[in-house]
């Protein structure tokens, strides 16, 4: 176990291997729309999101209930 003043604890999501903040920053800087998938127990929501200064803006959103209608 590391000790001392120079030891820096990484962010929790980096330690868990869930988030690569360098890649995330590059994705936001690129200003390209990104596909976001949010899963719940019953449904899945899919969104096309573009970054903005005042928060992300959703271009298109769909869920599995809507997509079942189209086959």
C-alpha atoms as a PDB file:
ATOM      1  CA  UNK A   1       0.000   0.000   0.000  1.00  0.00           C
ATOM      2  CA  UNK A   2       1.438   3.364  -0.984  1.00  0.00           C
ATOM      3  CA  UNK A   3       1.887   5.983   1.678  1.00  0.00           C
ATOM      4  CA  UNK A   4       3.251   9.492   1.785  1.00  0.00           C
ATOM      5  CA  UNK A   5       2.330  12.923   0.522  1.00  0.00           C
ATOM      6  CA  UNK A   6       3.074  12.123  -3.124  1.00  0.00           C
ATOM      7  CA  UNK A   7       0.496   9.345  -3.439  1.00  0.00           C
ATOM      8  CA  UNK A   8      -2.521  10.411  -5.510  1.00  0.00           C
ATOM      9  CA  UNK A   9      -5.741   8.408  -5.490  1.00  0.00           C
ATOM     10  CA  UNK A  10      -7.343   8.121  -8.929  1.00  0.00           C
ATOM     11  CA  UNK A  11     -10.992   8.860  -9.605  1.00  0.00           C
ATOM     12  CA  UNK A  12     -13.333   6.024  -8.672  1.00  0.00           C
ATOM     13  CA  UNK A  13     -14.500   5.431 -12.270  1.00  0.00           C
ATOM     14  CA  UNK A  14     -10.892   5.233 -13.471  1.00  0.00           C
ATOM     15  CA  UNK A  15     -10.049   2.699 -10.776  1.00  0.00           C
ATOM     16  CA  UNK A  16     -13.095   0.639 -11.773  1.00  0.00           C
ATOM     17  CA  UNK A  17     -12.053   0.811 -15.447  1.00  0.00           C
ATOM     18  CA  UNK A  18     -15.366   2.377 -16.499  1.00  0.00           C
ATOM     19  CA  UNK A  19     -14.220   5.789 -17.757  1.00  0.00           C
ATOM     20  CA  UNK A  20     -11.282   6.905 -19.875  1.00  0.00           C
ATOM     21  CA  UNK A  21     -11.326  10.638 -19.204  1.00  0.00           C
ATOM     22  CA  UNK A  22      -8.755  11.433 -21.900  1.00  0.00           C
ATOM     23  CA  UNK A  23     -10.917   9.771 -24.578  1.00  0.00           C
ATOM     24  CA  UNK A  24     -14.044  11.378 -23.105  1.00  0.00           C
ATOM     25  CA  UNK A  25     -12.468  14.838 -23.296  1.00  0.00           C
ATOM     26  CA  UNK A  26     -11.449  14.298 -26.926  1.00  0.00           C
ATOM     27  CA  UNK A  27     -14.979  13.158 -27.764  1.00  0.00           C
ATOM     28  CA  UNK A  28     -16.485  16.313 -26.252  1.00  0.00           C
ATOM     29  CA  UNK A  29     -13.943  18.604 -27.938  1.00  0.00           C
ATOM     30  CA  UNK A  30     -14.659  17.025 -31.348  1.00  0.00           C
ATOM     31  CA  UNK A  31     -18.249  18.400 -31.248  1.00  0.00           C
ATOM     32  CA  UNK A  32     -19.487  15.276 -33.060  1.00  0.00           C
ATOM     33  CA  UNK A  33     -22.780  13.708 -31.987  1.00  0.00           C
ATOM     34  CA  UNK A  34     -22.399  10.646 -29.807  1.00  0.00           C
ATOM     35  CA  UNK A  35     -24.703   7.695 -29.306  1.00  0.00           C
ATOM     36  CA  UNK A  36     -25.796   7.244 -25.694  1.00  0.00           C
ATOM     37  CA  UNK A  37     -27.444   4.003 -24.575  1.00  0.00           C
ATOM     38  CA  UNK A  38     -29.209   3.941 -21.220  1.00  0.00           C
ATOM     39  CA  UNK A  39     -30.471   0.591 -19.990  1.00  0.00           C
ATOM     40  CA  UNK A  40     -33.129   0.028 -17.370  1.00  0.00           C
ATOM     41  CA  UNK A  41     -34.666  -3.208 -16.169  1.00  0.00           C
ATOM     42  CA  UNK A  42     -37.494  -3.077 -18.733  1.00  0.00           C
ATOM     43  CA  UNK A  43     -36.419  -0.780 -21.568  1.00  0.00           C
ATOM     44  CA  UNK A  44     -33.438   0.706 -23.340  1.00  0.00           C
ATOM     45  CA  UNK A  45     -33.251   4.374 -24.314  1.00  0.00           C
ATOM     46  CA  UNK A  46     -31.062   5.447 -27.220  1.00  0.00           C
ATOM     47  CA  UNK A  47     -30.098   9.089 -27.773  1.00  0.00           C
ATOM     48  CA  UNK A  48     -27.964  11.107 -30.176  1.00  0.00           C
ATOM     49  CA  UNK A  49     -26.351  13.818 -28.054  1.00  0.00           C
ATOM     50  CA  UNK A  50     -24.196  16.808 -29.013  1.00  0.00           C
ATOM     51  CA  UNK A  51     -22.112  18.719 -26.463  1.00  0.00           C
ATOM     52  CA  UNK A  52     -22.953  22.362 -25.751  1.00  0.00           C
ATOM     53  CA  UNK A  53     -21.624  24.981 -23.350  1.00  0.00           C
ATOM     54  CA  UNK A  54     -24.793  25.073 -21.269  1.00  0.00           C
ATOM     55  CA  UNK A  55     -25.173  21.286 -21.231  1.00  0.00           C
ATOM     56  CA  UNK A  56     -25.601  18.456 -23.698  1.00  0.00           C
ATOM     57  CA  UNK A  57     -28.428  18.720 -26.225  1.00  0.00           C
ATOM     58  CA  UNK A  58     -30.368  15.672 -27.396  1.00  0.00           C
ATOM     59  CA  UNK A  59     -30.977  15.537 -31.150  1.00  0.00           C
ATOM     60  CA  UNK A  60     -32.979  12.308 -31.385  1.00  0.00           C
ATOM     61  CA  UNK A  61     -34.279   9.951 -28.744  1.00  0.00           C
ATOM     62  CA  UNK A  62     -35.931   6.549 -29.018  1.00  0.00           C
ATOM     63  CA  UNK A  63     -36.725   3.684 -26.695  1.00  0.00           C
ATOM     64  CA  UNK A  64     -37.413   0.007 -27.255  1.00  0.00           C
ATOM     65  CA  UNK A  65     -41.184   0.467 -27.018  1.00  0.00           C
ATOM     66  CA  UNK A  66     -41.103   2.898 -29.976  1.00  0.00           C
ATOM     67  CA  UNK A  67     -38.702   0.730 -31.960  1.00  0.00           C
ATOM     68  CA  UNK A  68     -40.897  -2.382 -31.589  1.00  0.00           C
ATOM     69  CA  UNK A  69     -43.598  -0.588 -33.614  1.00  0.00           C
ATOM     70  CA  UNK A  70     -41.242  -0.426 -36.606  1.00  0.00           C
ATOM     71  CA  UNK A  71     -40.245  -4.066 -36.433  1.00  0.00           C
END
